[in-house]
Amino acid sequence: MQFLWEPYTTNVMLVLPPICLVGSVAWSAVVPLICFQVIEWHQPDRVLRQFGMQQPIPRCPSQPLNIHGITLKGKHDENWGQLFTPMIHQWNNQAYFRVDDYPQQEGLLSFNSDYMVWYR
């Protein structure tokens, strides 16, 4: 079975309920997703084919401040807003971190493209 990566077409996007489009700026922005004390990086630059764009060889995943090692346990006096200021700033300015500038993928991805060679 072969799978074809395709972005949603304009026709599909037009019939989606408005709730499905809330936050759509973040869909293609490399930003931290912040939910209470948990921060995870949204990295659409690593899956550009899902957006119909050419996929370069991905860089290492973003993981600033080793956020997976951070816990709130026993740190009641910690100023989390100050600690996470860079990530909050990036989220608040997500329009500047979009990956829309990659070229659209035209036709099939070549077996010998840099990405496919790296992938194999």
PDB file of N, CA and C in Angstrom:
ATOM      1  N   MET A   1       0.843  -1.176   0.000  1.00  0.00           N
ATOM      2  CA  MET A   1       0.000   0.000   0.000  1.00  0.00           C
ATOM      3  C   MET A   1       0.885   1.233   0.000  1.00  0.00           C
ATOM      4  N   GLN A   2       0.546   2.200  -0.794  1.00  0.00           N
ATOM      5  CA  GLN A   2       1.321   3.429  -0.892  1.00  0.00           C
ATOM      6  C   GLN A   2       0.513   4.573  -0.290  1.00  0.00           C
ATOM      7  N   PHE A   3       1.196   5.434   0.426  1.00  0.00           N
ATOM      8  CA  PHE A   3       0.536   6.564   1.086  1.00  0.00           C
ATOM      9  C   PHE A   3       0.961   7.840   0.394  1.00  0.00           C
ATOM     10  N   LEU A   4       0.022   8.706   0.099  1.00  0.00           N
ATOM     11  CA  LEU A   4       0.306   9.961  -0.572  1.00  0.00           C
ATOM     12  C   LEU A   4       0.087  11.111   0.405  1.00  0.00           C
ATOM     13  N   TRP A   5       1.181  11.830   0.749  1.00  0.00           N
ATOM     14  CA  TRP A   5       1.077  12.986   1.637  1.00  0.00           C
ATOM     15  C   TRP A   5       0.509  14.149   0.848  1.00  0.00           C
ATOM     16  N   GLU A   6      -0.602  14.671   1.301  1.00  0.00           N
ATOM     17  CA  GLU A   6      -1.203  15.825   0.646  1.00  0.00           C
ATOM     18  C   GLU A   6      -1.736  16.780   1.704  1.00  0.00           C
ATOM     19  N   PRO A   7      -1.522  18.063   1.526  1.00  0.00           N
ATOM     20  CA  PRO A   7      -2.146  19.028   2.449  1.00  0.00           C
ATOM     21  C   PRO A   7      -3.641  19.086   2.160  1.00  0.00           C
ATOM     22  N   TYR A   8      -4.392  19.595   3.136  1.00  0.00           N
ATOM     23  CA  TYR A   8      -5.816  19.791   2.885  1.00  0.00           C
ATOM     24  C   TYR A   8      -5.987  20.744   1.711  1.00  0.00           C
ATOM     25  N   THR A   9      -6.903  20.412   0.837  1.00  0.00           N
ATOM     26  CA  THR A   9      -7.171  21.285  -0.303  1.00  0.00           C
ATOM     27  C   THR A   9      -7.979  22.493   0.162  1.00  0.00           C
ATOM     28  N   THR A  10      -8.021  23.506  -0.664  1.00  0.00           N
ATOM     29  CA  THR A  10      -8.807  24.702  -0.361  1.00  0.00           C
ATOM     30  C   THR A  10     -10.270  24.328  -0.156  1.00  0.00           C
ATOM     31  N   ASN A  11     -10.789  23.390  -0.967  1.00  0.00           N
ATOM     32  CA  ASN A  11     -12.189  22.968  -0.821  1.00  0.00           C
ATOM     33  C   ASN A  11     -12.456  22.373   0.555  1.00  0.00           C
ATOM     34  N   VAL A  12     -11.524  21.579   1.058  1.00  0.00           N
ATOM     35  CA  VAL A  12     -11.684  20.986   2.390  1.00  0.00           C
ATOM     36  C   VAL A  12     -11.624  22.081   3.454  1.00  0.00           C
ATOM     37  N   MET A  13     -10.678  22.993   3.325  1.00  0.00           N
ATOM     38  CA  MET A  13     -10.523  24.062   4.311  1.00  0.00           C
ATOM     39  C   MET A  13     -11.773  24.948   4.387  1.00  0.00           C
ATOM     40  N   LEU A  14     -12.430  25.157   3.253  1.00  0.00           N
ATOM     41  CA  LEU A  14     -13.617  26.014   3.226  1.00  0.00           C
ATOM     42  C   LEU A  14     -14.808  25.418   3.958  1.00  0.00           C
ATOM     43  N   VAL A  15     -14.873  24.093   4.079  1.00  0.00           N
ATOM     44  CA  VAL A  15     -16.027  23.471   4.733  1.00  0.00           C
ATOM     45  C   VAL A  15     -15.753  23.086   6.187  1.00  0.00           C
ATOM     46  N   LEU A  16     -14.547  23.319   6.664  1.00  0.00           N
ATOM     47  CA  LEU A  16     -14.252  23.018   8.070  1.00  0.00           C
ATOM     48  C   LEU A  16     -14.990  23.997   8.970  1.00  0.00           C
ATOM     49  N   PRO A  17     -15.498  23.533  10.097  1.00  0.00           N
ATOM     50  CA  PRO A  17     -16.135  24.459  11.031  1.00  0.00           C
ATOM     51  C   PRO A  17     -15.092  25.430  11.580  1.00  0.00           C
ATOM     52  N   PRO A  18     -15.497  26.646  11.923  1.00  0.00           N
ATOM     53  CA  PRO A  18     -14.548  27.658  12.412  1.00  0.00           C
ATOM     54  C   PRO A  18     -13.681  27.188  13.578  1.00  0.00           C
ATOM     55  N   ILE A  19     -14.215  26.340  14.443  1.00  0.00           N
ATOM     56  CA  ILE A  19     -13.433  25.862  15.591  1.00  0.00           C
ATOM     57  C   ILE A  19     -12.186  25.109  15.132  1.00  0.00           C
ATOM     58  N   CYS A  20     -12.238  24.494  13.967  1.00  0.00           N
ATOM     59  CA  CYS A  20     -11.095  23.741  13.448  1.00  0.00           C
ATOM     60  C   CYS A  20      -9.968  24.644  12.967  1.00  0.00           C
ATOM     61  N   LEU A  21     -10.277  25.913  12.737  1.00  0.00           N
ATOM     62  CA  LEU A  21      -9.274  26.837  12.203  1.00  0.00           C
ATOM     63  C   LEU A  21      -8.675  27.748  13.264  1.00  0.00           C
ATOM     64  N   VAL A  22      -9.183  27.652  14.496  1.00  0.00           N
ATOM     65  CA  VAL A  22      -8.643  28.473  15.585  1.00  0.00           C
ATOM     66  C   VAL A  22      -7.180  28.078  15.801  1.00  0.00           C
ATOM     67  N   GLY A  23      -6.324  29.066  15.837  1.00  0.00           N
ATOM     68  CA  GLY A  23      -4.900  28.794  16.053  1.00  0.00           C
ATOM     69  C   GLY A  23      -4.168  28.291  14.824  1.00  0.00           C
ATOM     70  N   SER A  24      -4.755  28.471  13.654  1.00  0.00           N
ATOM     71  CA  SER A  24      -4.135  27.926  12.439  1.00  0.00           C
ATOM     72  C   SER A  24      -2.785  28.554  12.127  1.00  0.00           C
ATOM     73  N   VAL A  25      -2.490  29.730  12.666  1.00  0.00           N
ATOM     74  CA  VAL A  25      -1.164  30.332  12.458  1.00  0.00           C
ATOM     75  C   VAL A  25      -0.087  29.416  13.020  1.00  0.00           C
ATOM     76  N   ALA A  26      -0.389  28.734  14.103  1.00  0.00           N
ATOM     77  CA  ALA A  26       0.594  27.860  14.750  1.00  0.00           C
ATOM     78  C   ALA A  26       0.815  26.556  13.989  1.00  0.00           C
ATOM     79  N   TRP A  27      -0.063  26.213  13.050  1.00  0.00           N
ATOM     80  CA  TRP A  27       0.088  24.951  12.335  1.00  0.00           C
ATOM     81  C   TRP A  27       1.443  24.845  11.665  1.00  0.00           C
ATOM     82  N   SER A  28       1.921  25.931  11.121  1.00  0.00           N
ATOM     83  CA  SER A  28       3.184  25.873  10.382  1.00  0.00           C
ATOM     84  C   SER A  28       4.251  26.754  11.015  1.00  0.00           C
ATOM     85  N   ALA A  29       4.208  26.884  12.323  1.00  0.00           N
ATOM     86  CA  ALA A  29       5.203  27.686  13.036  1.00  0.00           C
ATOM     87  C   ALA A  29       5.999  26.789  13.981  1.00  0.00           C
ATOM     88  N   VAL A  30       7.304  26.985  14.000  1.00  0.00           N
ATOM     89  CA  VAL A  30       8.163  26.257  14.933  1.00  0.00           C
ATOM     90  C   VAL A  30       8.127  27.026  16.243  1.00  0.00           C
ATOM     91  N   VAL A  31       7.286  26.550  17.161  1.00  0.00           N
ATOM     92  CA  VAL A  31       7.048  27.250  18.422  1.00  0.00           C
ATOM     93  C   VAL A  31       6.871  26.241  19.550  1.00  0.00           C
ATOM     94  N   PRO A  32       7.079  26.697  20.773  1.00  0.00           N
ATOM     95  CA  PRO A  32       6.767  25.835  21.905  1.00  0.00           C
ATOM     96  C   PRO A  32       5.259  25.847  22.158  1.00  0.00           C
ATOM     97  N   LEU A  33       4.695  24.694  22.435  1.00  0.00           N
ATOM     98  CA  LEU A  33       3.298  24.598  22.829  1.00  0.00           C
ATOM     99  C   LEU A  33       3.291  24.582  24.352  1.00  0.00           C
ATOM    100  N   ILE A  34       2.677  25.561  24.955  1.00  0.00           N
ATOM    101  CA  ILE A  34       2.724  25.739  26.397  1.00  0.00           C
ATOM    102  C   ILE A  34       1.350  25.445  26.985  1.00  0.00           C
ATOM    103  N   CYS A  35       1.290  24.487  27.894  1.00  0.00           N
ATOM    104  CA  CYS A  35       0.043  24.119  28.552  1.00  0.00           C
ATOM    105  C   CYS A  35       0.338  23.919  30.039  1.00  0.00           C
ATOM    106  N   PHE A  36       0.004  24.915  30.815  1.00  0.00           N
ATOM    107  CA  PHE A  36       0.284  24.914  32.244  1.00  0.00           C
ATOM    108  C   PHE A  36       1.785  24.707  32.463  1.00  0.00           C
ATOM    109  N   GLN A  37       2.197  23.627  33.135  1.00  0.00           N
ATOM    110  CA  GLN A  37       3.610  23.434  33.423  1.00  0.00           C
ATOM    111  C   GLN A  37       4.310  22.555  32.382  1.00  0.00           C
ATOM    112  N   VAL A  38       3.636  22.237  31.291  1.00  0.00           N
ATOM    113  CA  VAL A  38       4.216  21.364  30.272  1.00  0.00           C
ATOM    114  C   VAL A  38       4.513  22.175  29.013  1.00  0.00           C
ATOM    115  N   ILE A  39       5.715  21.994  28.482  1.00  0.00           N
ATOM    116  CA  ILE A  39       6.097  22.648  27.228  1.00  0.00           C
ATOM    117  C   ILE A  39       6.637  21.581  26.286  1.00  0.00           C
ATOM    118  N   GLU A  40       6.083  21.526  25.101  1.00  0.00           N
ATOM    119  CA  GLU A  40       6.569  20.636  24.050  1.00  0.00           C
ATOM    120  C   GLU A  40       6.766  21.469  22.794  1.00  0.00           C
ATOM    121  N   TRP A  41       7.731  21.106  21.982  1.00  0.00           N
ATOM    122  CA  TRP A  41       8.015  21.865  20.764  1.00  0.00           C
ATOM    123  C   TRP A  41       7.219  21.327  19.597  1.00  0.00           C
ATOM    124  N   HIS A  42       6.540  22.229  18.925  1.00  0.00           N
ATOM    125  CA  HIS A  42       5.820  21.933  17.684  1.00  0.00           C
ATOM    126  C   HIS A  42       6.805  22.248  16.562  1.00  0.00           C
ATOM    127  N   GLN A  43       7.147  21.234  15.772  1.00  0.00           N
ATOM    128  CA  GLN A  43       8.206  21.399  14.780  1.00  0.00           C
ATOM    129  C   GLN A  43       7.760  20.970  13.384  1.00  0.00           C
ATOM    130  N   PRO A  44       6.886  21.758  12.765  1.00  0.00           N
ATOM    131  CA  PRO A  44       6.416  21.389  11.431  1.00  0.00           C
ATOM    132  C   PRO A  44       7.525  21.416  10.380  1.00  0.00           C
ATOM    133  N   ASP A  45       8.656  22.038  10.690  1.00  0.00           N
ATOM    134  CA  ASP A  45       9.770  22.039   9.740  1.00  0.00           C
ATOM    135  C   ASP A  45      10.340  20.633   9.537  1.00  0.00           C
ATOM    136  N   ARG A  46       9.977  19.706  10.385  1.00  0.00           N
ATOM    137  CA  ARG A  46      10.444  18.325  10.267  1.00  0.00           C
ATOM    138  C   ARG A  46       9.476  17.457   9.460  1.00  0.00           C
ATOM    139  N   VAL A  47       8.284  17.989   9.136  1.00  0.00           N
ATOM    140  CA  VAL A  47       7.270  17.237   8.384  1.00  0.00           C
ATOM    141  C   VAL A  47       6.645  18.118   7.299  1.00  0.00           C
ATOM    142  N   LEU A  48       7.463  18.831   6.581  1.00  0.00           N
ATOM    143  CA  LEU A  48       6.974  19.782   5.582  1.00  0.00           C
ATOM    144  C   LEU A  48       6.164  19.121   4.476  1.00  0.00           C
ATOM    145  N   ARG A  49       6.401  17.859   4.208  1.00  0.00           N
ATOM    146  CA  ARG A  49       5.651  17.176   3.146  1.00  0.00           C
ATOM    147  C   ARG A  49       4.163  17.152   3.467  1.00  0.00           C
ATOM    148  N   GLN A  50       3.813  17.157   4.757  1.00  0.00           N
ATOM    149  CA  GLN A  50       2.397  17.186   5.135  1.00  0.00           C
ATOM    150  C   GLN A  50       1.746  18.496   4.710  1.00  0.00           C
ATOM    151  N   PHE A  51       2.548  19.524   4.518  1.00  0.00           N
ATOM    152  CA  PHE A  51       2.033  20.830   4.099  1.00  0.00           C
ATOM    153  C   PHE A  51       2.250  21.064   2.601  1.00  0.00           C
ATOM    154  N   GLY A  52       2.675  20.015   1.883  1.00  0.00           N
ATOM    155  CA  GLY A  52       2.874  20.117   0.443  1.00  0.00           C
ATOM    156  C   GLY A  52       4.149  20.822   0.046  1.00  0.00           C
ATOM    157  N   MET A  53       5.109  20.924   0.983  1.00  0.00           N
ATOM    158  CA  MET A  53       6.364  21.620   0.702  1.00  0.00           C
ATOM    159  C   MET A  53       7.511  20.637   0.528  1.00  0.00           C
ATOM    160  N   GLN A  54       8.574  21.118  -0.078  1.00  0.00           N
ATOM    161  CA  GLN A  54       9.779  20.305  -0.210  1.00  0.00           C
ATOM    162  C   GLN A  54      10.398  20.111   1.172  1.00  0.00           C
ATOM    163  N   GLN A  55      10.806  18.878   1.459  1.00  0.00           N
ATOM    164  CA  GLN A  55      11.370  18.573   2.765  1.00  0.00           C
ATOM    165  C   GLN A  55      12.888  18.515   2.682  1.00  0.00           C
ATOM    166  N   PRO A  56      13.575  19.490   3.301  1.00  0.00           N
ATOM    167  CA  PRO A  56      15.027  19.361   3.395  1.00  0.00           C
ATOM    168  C   PRO A  56      15.376  18.365   4.502  1.00  0.00           C
ATOM    169  N   ILE A  57      16.624  18.008   4.593  1.00  0.00           N
ATOM    170  CA  ILE A  57      17.070  17.149   5.685  1.00  0.00           C
ATOM    171  C   ILE A  57      16.839  17.906   6.985  1.00  0.00           C
ATOM    172  N   PRO A  58      16.068  17.335   7.911  1.00  0.00           N
ATOM    173  CA  PRO A  58      15.744  18.070   9.137  1.00  0.00           C
ATOM    174  C   PRO A  58      16.975  18.303  10.014  1.00  0.00           C
ATOM    175  N   ARG A  59      16.968  19.467  10.665  1.00  0.00           N
ATOM    176  CA  ARG A  59      17.994  19.743  11.668  1.00  0.00           C
ATOM    177  C   ARG A  59      17.642  18.948  12.920  1.00  0.00           C
ATOM    178  N   CYS A  60      18.522  18.963  13.894  1.00  0.00           N
ATOM    179  CA  CYS A  60      18.228  18.305  15.162  1.00  0.00           C
ATOM    180  C   CYS A  60      16.978  18.938  15.766  1.00  0.00           C
ATOM    181  N   PRO A  61      16.173  18.153  16.469  1.00  0.00           N
ATOM    182  CA  PRO A  61      14.964  18.714  17.086  1.00  0.00           C
ATOM    183  C   PRO A  61      15.309  19.807  18.092  1.00  0.00           C
ATOM    184  N   SER A  62      14.449  20.813  18.180  1.00  0.00           N
ATOM    185  CA  SER A  62      14.620  21.880  19.166  1.00  0.00           C
ATOM    186  C   SER A  62      14.380  21.311  20.553  1.00  0.00           C
ATOM    187  N   GLN A  63      15.238  21.655  21.470  1.00  0.00           N
ATOM    188  CA  GLN A  63      15.054  21.233  22.857  1.00  0.00           C
ATOM    189  C   GLN A  63      15.818  22.178  23.775  1.00  0.00           C
ATOM    190  N   PRO A  64      15.528  23.485  23.689  1.00  0.00           N
ATOM    191  CA  PRO A  64      16.266  24.430  24.524  1.00  0.00           C
ATOM    192  C   PRO A  64      15.943  24.237  26.000  1.00  0.00           C
ATOM    193  N   LEU A  65      16.890  24.556  26.827  1.00  0.00           N
ATOM    194  CA  LEU A  65      16.769  24.500  28.283  1.00  0.00           C
ATOM    195  C   LEU A  65      16.469  23.104  28.816  1.00  0.00           C
ATOM    196  N   ASN A  66      16.605  22.066  27.979  1.00  0.00           N
ATOM    197  CA  ASN A  66      16.304  20.702  28.410  1.00  0.00           C
ATOM    198  C   ASN A  66      14.964  20.659  29.162  1.00  0.00           C
ATOM    199  N   ILE A  67      13.920  21.137  28.535  1.00  0.00           N
ATOM    200  CA  ILE A  67      12.630  21.284  29.205  1.00  0.00           C
ATOM    201  C   ILE A  67      12.049  19.969  29.697  1.00  0.00           C
ATOM    202  N   HIS A  68      12.470  18.839  29.126  1.00  0.00           N
ATOM    203  CA  HIS A  68      11.949  17.563  29.618  1.00  0.00           C
ATOM    204  C   HIS A  68      12.480  17.240  31.009  1.00  0.00           C
ATOM    205  N   GLY A  69      13.583  17.850  31.391  1.00  0.00           N
ATOM    206  CA  GLY A  69      14.136  17.594  32.710  1.00  0.00           C
ATOM    207  C   GLY A  69      13.612  18.535  33.777  1.00  0.00           C
ATOM    208  N   ILE A  70      12.752  19.461  33.410  1.00  0.00           N
ATOM    209  CA  ILE A  70      12.253  20.452  34.359  1.00  0.00           C
ATOM    210  C   ILE A  70      10.970  19.937  35.014  1.00  0.00           C
ATOM    211  N   THR A  71      10.912  20.053  36.312  1.00  0.00           N
ATOM    212  CA  THR A  71       9.721  19.655  37.060  1.00  0.00           C
ATOM    213  C   THR A  71       9.354  20.767  38.033  1.00  0.00           C
ATOM    214  N   LEU A  72       8.077  20.884  38.333  1.00  0.00           N
ATOM    215  CA  LEU A  72       7.620  21.885  39.293  1.00  0.00           C
ATOM    216  C   LEU A  72       7.751  21.393  40.733  1.00  0.00           C
ATOM    217  N   LYS A  73       8.002  20.116  40.898  1.00  0.00           N
ATOM    218  CA  LYS A  73       8.043  19.514  42.233  1.00  0.00           C
ATOM    219  C   LYS A  73       9.084  20.188  43.123  1.00  0.00           C
ATOM    220  N   GLY A  74       8.621  20.714  44.254  1.00  0.00           N
ATOM    221  CA  GLY A  74       9.507  21.311  45.247  1.00  0.00           C
ATOM    222  C   GLY A  74      10.095  22.654  44.852  1.00  0.00           C
ATOM    223  N   LYS A  75       9.537  23.312  43.850  1.00  0.00           N
ATOM    224  CA  LYS A  75      10.096  24.583  43.373  1.00  0.00           C
ATOM    225  C   LYS A  75       9.027  25.676  43.428  1.00  0.00           C
ATOM    226  N   HIS A  76       8.447  25.857  44.568  1.00  0.00           N
ATOM    227  CA  HIS A  76       7.356  26.814  44.729  1.00  0.00           C
ATOM    228  C   HIS A  76       7.809  28.259  44.561  1.00  0.00           C
ATOM    229  N   ASP A  77       9.075  28.546  44.806  1.00  0.00           N
ATOM    230  CA  ASP A  77       9.580  29.916  44.721  1.00  0.00           C
ATOM    231  C   ASP A  77      10.139  30.251  43.345  1.00  0.00           C
ATOM    232  N   GLU A  78      10.108  29.318  42.417  1.00  0.00           N
ATOM    233  CA  GLU A  78      10.656  29.529  41.070  1.00  0.00           C
ATOM    234  C   GLU A  78       9.730  30.437  40.271  1.00  0.00           C
ATOM    235  N   ASN A  79      10.298  31.385  39.543  1.00  0.00           N
ATOM    236  CA  ASN A  79       9.520  32.275  38.679  1.00  0.00           C
ATOM    237  C   ASN A  79       9.475  31.640  37.284  1.00  0.00           C
ATOM    238  N   TRP A  80       8.431  30.839  37.044  1.00  0.00           N
ATOM    239  CA  TRP A  80       8.337  30.088  35.790  1.00  0.00           C
ATOM    240  C   TRP A  80       8.140  31.008  34.594  1.00  0.00           C
ATOM    241  N   GLY A  81       7.434  32.106  34.776  1.00  0.00           N
ATOM    242  CA  GLY A  81       7.262  33.067  33.683  1.00  0.00           C
ATOM    243  C   GLY A  81       8.588  33.640  33.232  1.00  0.00           C
ATOM    244  N   GLN A  82       9.467  33.907  34.193  1.00  0.00           N
ATOM    245  CA  GLN A  82      10.791  34.440  33.857  1.00  0.00           C
ATOM    246  C   GLN A  82      11.662  33.359  33.225  1.00  0.00           C
ATOM    247  N   LEU A  83      11.620  32.152  33.781  1.00  0.00           N
ATOM    248  CA  LEU A  83      12.426  31.049  33.248  1.00  0.00           C
ATOM    249  C   LEU A  83      12.057  30.738  31.797  1.00  0.00           C
ATOM    250  N   PHE A  84      10.770  30.783  31.502  1.00  0.00           N
ATOM    251  CA  PHE A  84      10.300  30.417  30.167  1.00  0.00           C
ATOM    252  C   PHE A  84      10.048  31.619  29.265  1.00  0.00           C
ATOM    253  N   THR A  85      10.564  32.784  29.625  1.00  0.00           N
ATOM    254  CA  THR A  85      10.353  33.994  28.826  1.00  0.00           C
ATOM    255  C   THR A  85      10.714  33.810  27.348  1.00  0.00           C
ATOM    256  N   PRO A  86      11.858  33.203  27.015  1.00  0.00           N
ATOM    257  CA  PRO A  86      12.165  33.041  25.578  1.00  0.00           C
ATOM    258  C   PRO A  86      11.109  32.215  24.840  1.00  0.00           C
ATOM    259  N   MET A  87      10.598  31.168  25.469  1.00  0.00           N
ATOM    260  CA  MET A  87       9.601  30.319  24.822  1.00  0.00           C
ATOM    261  C   MET A  87       8.253  31.028  24.727  1.00  0.00           C
ATOM    262  N   ILE A  88       7.891  31.780  25.742  1.00  0.00           N
ATOM    263  CA  ILE A  88       6.646  32.551  25.712  1.00  0.00           C
ATOM    264  C   ILE A  88       6.728  33.613  24.616  1.00  0.00           C
ATOM    265  N   HIS A  89       7.888  34.250  24.496  1.00  0.00           N
ATOM    266  CA  HIS A  89       8.096  35.255  23.442  1.00  0.00           C
ATOM    267  C   HIS A  89       7.954  34.616  22.062  1.00  0.00           C
ATOM    268  N   GLN A  90       8.539  33.431  21.885  1.00  0.00           N
ATOM    269  CA  GLN A  90       8.445  32.763  20.590  1.00  0.00           C
ATOM    270  C   GLN A  90       6.991  32.405  20.283  1.00  0.00           C
ATOM    271  N   TRP A  91       6.250  31.918  21.280  1.00  0.00           N
ATOM    272  CA  TRP A  91       4.834  31.604  21.061  1.00  0.00           C
ATOM    273  C   TRP A  91       4.052  32.853  20.685  1.00  0.00           C
ATOM    274  N   ASN A  92       4.280  33.944  21.408  1.00  0.00           N
ATOM    275  CA  ASN A  92       3.548  35.181  21.159  1.00  0.00           C
ATOM    276  C   ASN A  92       3.874  35.791  19.806  1.00  0.00           C
ATOM    277  N   ASN A  93       4.998  35.418  19.219  1.00  0.00           N
ATOM    278  CA  ASN A  93       5.413  35.940  17.917  1.00  0.00           C
ATOM    279  C   ASN A  93       5.470  34.833  16.876  1.00  0.00           C
ATOM    280  N   GLN A  94       4.555  33.879  16.982  1.00  0.00           N
ATOM    281  CA  GLN A  94       4.592  32.699  16.127  1.00  0.00           C
ATOM    282  C   GLN A  94       4.539  33.013  14.641  1.00  0.00           C
ATOM    283  N   ALA A  95       3.964  34.142  14.256  1.00  0.00           N
ATOM    284  CA  ALA A  95       3.902  34.494  12.834  1.00  0.00           C
ATOM    285  C   ALA A  95       5.300  34.654  12.242  1.00  0.00           C
ATOM    286  N   TYR A  96       6.289  34.985  13.068  1.00  0.00           N
ATOM    287  CA  TYR A  96       7.667  35.144  12.597  1.00  0.00           C
ATOM    288  C   TYR A  96       8.417  33.819  12.518  1.00  0.00           C
ATOM    289  N   PHE A  97       7.830  32.745  13.014  1.00  0.00           N
ATOM    290  CA  PHE A  97       8.500  31.452  13.054  1.00  0.00           C
ATOM    291  C   PHE A  97       7.830  30.427  12.145  1.00  0.00           C
ATOM    292  N   ARG A  98       7.056  30.921  11.185  1.00  0.00           N
ATOM    293  CA  ARG A  98       6.361  30.035  10.250  1.00  0.00           C
ATOM    294  C   ARG A  98       7.331  29.458   9.223  1.00  0.00           C
ATOM    295  N   VAL A  99       6.984  28.305   8.691  1.00  0.00           N
ATOM    296  CA  VAL A  99       7.842  27.628   7.718  1.00  0.00           C
ATOM    297  C   VAL A  99       7.292  27.737   6.301  1.00  0.00           C
ATOM    298  N   ASP A 100       6.459  28.735   6.056  1.00  0.00           N
ATOM    299  CA  ASP A 100       5.815  28.898   4.754  1.00  0.00           C
ATOM    300  C   ASP A 100       6.781  29.234   3.623  1.00  0.00           C
ATOM    301  N   ASP A 101       8.005  29.593   3.940  1.00  0.00           N
ATOM    302  CA  ASP A 101       8.918  30.031   2.896  1.00  0.00           C
ATOM    303  C   ASP A 101       9.600  28.876   2.155  1.00  0.00           C
ATOM    304  N   TYR A 102       9.318  27.639   2.549  1.00  0.00           N
ATOM    305  CA  TYR A 102       9.873  26.508   1.810  1.00  0.00           C
ATOM    306  C   TYR A 102       9.103  26.349   0.504  1.00  0.00           C
ATOM    307  N   PRO A 103       9.787  25.949  -0.578  1.00  0.00           N
ATOM    308  CA  PRO A 103       9.089  25.803  -1.860  1.00  0.00           C
ATOM    309  C   PRO A 103       8.092  24.646  -1.840  1.00  0.00           C
ATOM    310  N   GLN A 104       7.042  24.772  -2.628  1.00  0.00           N
ATOM    311  CA  GLN A 104       6.054  23.703  -2.769  1.00  0.00           C
ATOM    312  C   GLN A 104       6.697  22.514  -3.480  1.00  0.00           C
ATOM    313  N   GLN A 105       6.277  21.319  -3.109  1.00  0.00           N
ATOM    314  CA  GLN A 105       6.753  20.100  -3.767  1.00  0.00           C
ATOM    315  C   GLN A 105       6.005  19.942  -5.079  1.00  0.00           C
ATOM    316  N   GLU A 106       6.718  19.867  -6.165  1.00  0.00           N
ATOM    317  CA  GLU A 106       6.120  19.669  -7.481  1.00  0.00           C
ATOM    318  C   GLU A 106       6.379  18.232  -7.903  1.00  0.00           C
ATOM    319  N   GLY A 107       5.320  17.480  -8.146  1.00  0.00           N
ATOM    320  CA  GLY A 107       5.486  16.089  -8.581  1.00  0.00           C
ATOM    321  C   GLY A 107       5.979  15.196  -7.451  1.00  0.00           C
ATOM    322  N   LEU A 108       6.451  14.022  -7.828  1.00  0.00           N
ATOM    323  CA  LEU A 108       6.928  13.055  -6.850  1.00  0.00           C
ATOM    324  C   LEU A 108       8.327  13.412  -6.354  1.00  0.00           C
ATOM    325  N   LEU A 109       8.619  13.003  -5.144  1.00  0.00           N
ATOM    326  CA  LEU A 109       9.939  13.211  -4.574  1.00  0.00           C
ATOM    327  C   LEU A 109      10.899  12.216  -5.204  1.00  0.00           C
ATOM    328  N   SER A 110      12.015  12.685  -5.701  1.00  0.00           N
ATOM    329  CA  SER A 110      12.990  11.838  -6.376  1.00  0.00           C
ATOM    330  C   SER A 110      13.611  10.835  -5.410  1.00  0.00           C
ATOM    331  N   PHE A 111      13.784   9.624  -5.867  1.00  0.00           N
ATOM    332  CA  PHE A 111      14.423   8.566  -5.083  1.00  0.00           C
ATOM    333  C   PHE A 111      15.816   8.981  -4.633  1.00  0.00           C
ATOM    334  N   ASN A 112      16.508   9.776  -5.475  1.00  0.00           N
ATOM    335  CA  ASN A 112      17.883  10.183  -5.185  1.00  0.00           C
ATOM    336  C   ASN A 112      17.993  11.597  -4.615  1.00  0.00           C
ATOM    337  N   SER A 113      16.869  12.183  -4.199  1.00  0.00           N
ATOM    338  CA  SER A 113      16.930  13.521  -3.598  1.00  0.00           C
ATOM    339  C   SER A 113      17.742  13.446  -2.303  1.00  0.00           C
ATOM    340  N   ASP A 114      18.289  14.570  -1.890  1.00  0.00           N
ATOM    341  CA  ASP A 114      19.064  14.605  -0.649  1.00  0.00           C
ATOM    342  C   ASP A 114      18.256  14.059   0.530  1.00  0.00           C
ATOM    343  N   TYR A 115      16.998  14.446   0.587  1.00  0.00           N
ATOM    344  CA  TYR A 115      16.145  14.002   1.693  1.00  0.00           C
ATOM    345  C   TYR A 115      15.970  12.487   1.694  1.00  0.00           C
ATOM    346  N   MET A 116      15.654  11.912   0.529  1.00  0.00           N
ATOM    347  CA  MET A 116      15.419  10.463   0.465  1.00  0.00           C
ATOM    348  C   MET A 116      16.684   9.676   0.748  1.00  0.00           C
ATOM    349  N   VAL A 117      17.818  10.165   0.286  1.00  0.00           N
ATOM    350  CA  VAL A 117      19.085   9.503   0.594  1.00  0.00           C
ATOM    351  C   VAL A 117      19.322   9.541   2.100  1.00  0.00           C
ATOM    352  N   TRP A 118      19.098  10.711   2.718  1.00  0.00           N
ATOM    353  CA  TRP A 118      19.240  10.841   4.172  1.00  0.00           C
ATOM    354  C   TRP A 118      18.249   9.918   4.888  1.00  0.00           C
ATOM    355  N   TYR A 119      17.009   9.882   4.415  1.00  0.00           N
ATOM    356  CA  TYR A 119      15.966   9.082   5.056  1.00  0.00           C
ATOM    357  C   TYR A 119      16.302   7.597   5.052  1.00  0.00           C
ATOM    358  N   ARG A 120      16.809   7.132   3.910  1.00  0.00           N
ATOM    359  CA  ARG A 120      17.174   5.708   3.826  1.00  0.00           C
ATOM    360  C   ARG A 120      18.381   5.408   4.692  1.00  0.00           C
TER     361      ARG A 120
END
